[in-house]
């Protein structure tokens, strides 16, 4: 295979992998790079990360991140009818949404942030919370996050 047909990130990390795998025969390194994914973003824990080169203030590019949920992750959270106190459920749901918001870079397009927040609201809905409750959580979190 011709190296010119391999994306730069993949080519670089293949070289690093070869070097790392030569150090100890019992340790084998695997790699995943942004170009392995259709959207050009690299899943890492509960985020996706990628380089953005559109900002004139950052000519070498900057790392952007967004919240990421694996496709196999549960589509429900703490159930509204669980034995946990209402106060604890509110705290858990509020903190979860704040975590999602913190996982989104400030320079991410609003449409993408809104889609991620909509997914979080859908998870609350799937967990049995009504529209009024979900709206309260969302408004509370947006206000807290902006402070």
Protein backbone atom coordinates (compact mmCIF):
# COMPACT_ATOMS: atom_id res chain seq x y z
CA UNK A 1 0.00 0.00 0.00
CA UNK A 2 1.26 3.46 -0.90
CA UNK A 3 1.85 5.77 2.10
CA UNK A 4 0.26 8.65 0.18
CA UNK A 5 -3.08 6.82 0.35
CA UNK A 6 -2.96 6.69 4.16
CA UNK A 7 -4.21 9.76 6.06
CA UNK A 8 -1.46 11.66 7.88
CA UNK A 9 -2.77 10.95 11.37
CA UNK A 10 -2.95 7.22 10.67
CA UNK A 11 0.50 7.14 9.06
CA UNK A 12 2.07 8.96 12.04
CA UNK A 13 0.46 6.75 14.65
CA UNK A 14 1.32 3.55 12.76
CA UNK A 15 5.00 4.57 13.07
CA UNK A 16 4.56 5.31 16.79
CA UNK A 17 2.80 1.97 17.24
CA UNK A 18 5.67 0.10 15.57
CA UNK A 19 8.18 1.78 17.87
CA UNK A 20 6.10 1.09 20.98
CA UNK A 21 5.49 -2.54 20.01
CA UNK A 22 9.24 -3.08 19.55
CA UNK A 23 10.01 -2.16 23.17
CA UNK A 24 8.48 -5.21 24.86
CA UNK A 25 7.34 -8.32 23.03
CA UNK A 26 4.59 -8.91 25.64
CA UNK A 27 2.96 -5.50 25.17
CA UNK A 28 1.06 -4.74 21.98
CA UNK A 29 -0.30 -1.26 21.33
CA UNK A 30 -3.39 -0.52 19.29
CA UNK A 31 -4.32 2.84 17.83
CA UNK A 32 -7.38 4.75 16.77
CA UNK A 33 -7.21 8.10 15.03
CA UNK A 34 -9.81 10.64 13.85
CA UNK A 35 -9.55 9.54 10.22
CA UNK A 36 -10.75 6.07 11.28
CA UNK A 37 -14.20 7.60 11.83
CA UNK A 38 -16.62 8.93 9.22
CA UNK A 39 -17.08 12.24 11.07
CA UNK A 40 -13.31 12.76 11.52
CA UNK A 41 -13.74 12.86 15.31
CA UNK A 42 -11.99 10.59 17.79
CA UNK A 43 -14.14 9.07 20.56
CA UNK A 44 -12.31 9.32 23.89
CA UNK A 45 -14.17 8.29 27.05
CA UNK A 46 -17.38 10.37 27.00
CA UNK A 47 -16.16 12.93 24.46
CA UNK A 48 -15.25 13.16 20.80
CA UNK A 49 -12.22 15.26 19.96
CA UNK A 50 -10.93 16.73 16.71
CA UNK A 51 -8.79 19.54 15.34
CA UNK A 52 -10.39 22.74 14.03
CA UNK A 53 -8.35 24.92 11.70
CA UNK A 54 -10.98 27.60 11.02
CA UNK A 55 -10.01 29.99 13.85
CA UNK A 56 -7.65 32.69 12.56
CA UNK A 57 -6.42 33.22 16.14
CA UNK A 58 -5.16 29.62 16.17
CA UNK A 59 -3.34 29.12 12.86
CA UNK A 60 -1.97 25.73 13.95
CA UNK A 61 -5.46 24.58 14.87
CA UNK A 62 -7.18 23.96 18.17
CA UNK A 63 -8.62 20.88 19.79
CA UNK A 64 -12.42 20.90 19.91
CA UNK A 65 -14.48 18.44 21.91
CA UNK A 66 -18.10 17.46 22.31
CA UNK A 67 -20.06 15.10 24.49
CA UNK A 68 -20.24 11.55 23.20
CA UNK A 69 -22.46 8.65 24.17
CA UNK A 70 -21.63 5.22 22.84
CA UNK A 71 -24.35 3.73 20.66
CA UNK A 72 -24.70 0.79 23.06
CA UNK A 73 -25.17 3.03 26.13
CA UNK A 74 -28.46 2.83 27.97
CA UNK A 75 -31.12 5.26 26.75
CA UNK A 76 -32.47 5.70 30.29
CA UNK A 77 -31.06 7.13 33.48
CA UNK A 78 -32.44 7.18 37.00
CA UNK A 79 -36.08 6.17 36.62
CA UNK A 80 -38.66 8.70 37.80
CA UNK A 81 -40.42 6.00 39.80
CA UNK A 82 -37.28 4.70 41.53
CA UNK A 83 -37.04 4.58 45.33
CA UNK A 84 -34.46 7.38 45.35
CA UNK A 85 -35.69 10.61 46.94
CA UNK A 86 -36.96 13.36 44.63
CA UNK A 87 -34.15 15.61 45.81
CA UNK A 88 -31.50 13.02 44.94
CA UNK A 89 -33.05 12.33 41.53
CA UNK A 90 -33.04 16.06 40.76
CA UNK A 91 -29.40 16.35 41.86
CA UNK A 92 -28.36 13.34 39.77
CA UNK A 93 -30.20 14.56 36.67
CA UNK A 94 -28.91 18.12 37.09
CA UNK A 95 -25.31 17.01 37.51
CA UNK A 96 -25.55 14.66 34.54
CA UNK A 97 -26.72 17.48 32.27
CA UNK A 98 -24.00 19.81 33.58
CA UNK A 99 -21.43 17.09 32.76
CA UNK A 100 -22.83 16.85 29.23
CA UNK A 101 -22.64 20.64 28.83
CA UNK A 102 -19.05 20.75 30.14
CA UNK A 103 -18.10 18.12 27.58
CA UNK A 104 -19.03 20.56 24.81
CA UNK A 105 -16.39 23.06 23.70
CA UNK A 106 -17.50 26.70 23.83
CA UNK A 107 -16.76 27.11 20.11
CA UNK A 108 -18.95 24.20 19.02
CA UNK A 109 -21.80 25.26 16.73
CA UNK A 110 -25.06 25.86 18.63
CA UNK A 111 -26.92 23.38 16.42
CA UNK A 112 -24.60 20.58 17.54
CA UNK A 113 -24.87 21.59 21.21
CA UNK A 114 -28.66 21.71 20.92
CA UNK A 115 -28.73 18.24 19.39
CA UNK A 116 -26.69 16.88 22.29
CA UNK A 117 -28.96 18.60 24.82
CA UNK A 118 -32.01 17.21 23.01
CA UNK A 119 -30.55 13.72 23.35
CA UNK A 120 -30.14 14.32 27.09
CA UNK A 121 -33.74 15.50 27.36
CA UNK A 122 -34.87 12.39 25.45
CA UNK A 123 -33.00 10.26 27.99
CA UNK A 124 -34.91 11.97 30.80
CA UNK A 125 -38.15 11.42 28.91
CA UNK A 126 -37.29 7.74 28.46
CA UNK A 127 -36.71 7.60 32.22
CA UNK A 128 -40.29 8.72 32.87
CA UNK A 129 -39.90 12.45 33.59
CA UNK A 130 -42.58 14.77 32.27
CA UNK A 131 -42.00 17.80 30.07
CA UNK A 132 -42.28 20.31 32.94
CA UNK A 133 -39.60 18.51 34.98
CA UNK A 134 -37.26 18.25 31.97
CA UNK A 135 -37.70 21.95 31.22
CA UNK A 136 -36.92 22.85 34.85
CA UNK A 137 -33.73 20.76 34.74
CA UNK A 138 -32.67 22.29 31.42
CA UNK A 139 -33.31 25.91 32.51
CA UNK A 140 -31.59 25.35 35.86
CA UNK A 141 -28.55 23.82 34.22
CA UNK A 142 -28.22 26.48 31.55
CA UNK A 143 -28.37 29.20 34.22
CA UNK A 144 -25.84 27.38 36.43
CA UNK A 145 -23.53 26.65 33.53
CA UNK A 146 -23.52 30.28 32.33
CA UNK A 147 -22.54 31.46 35.82
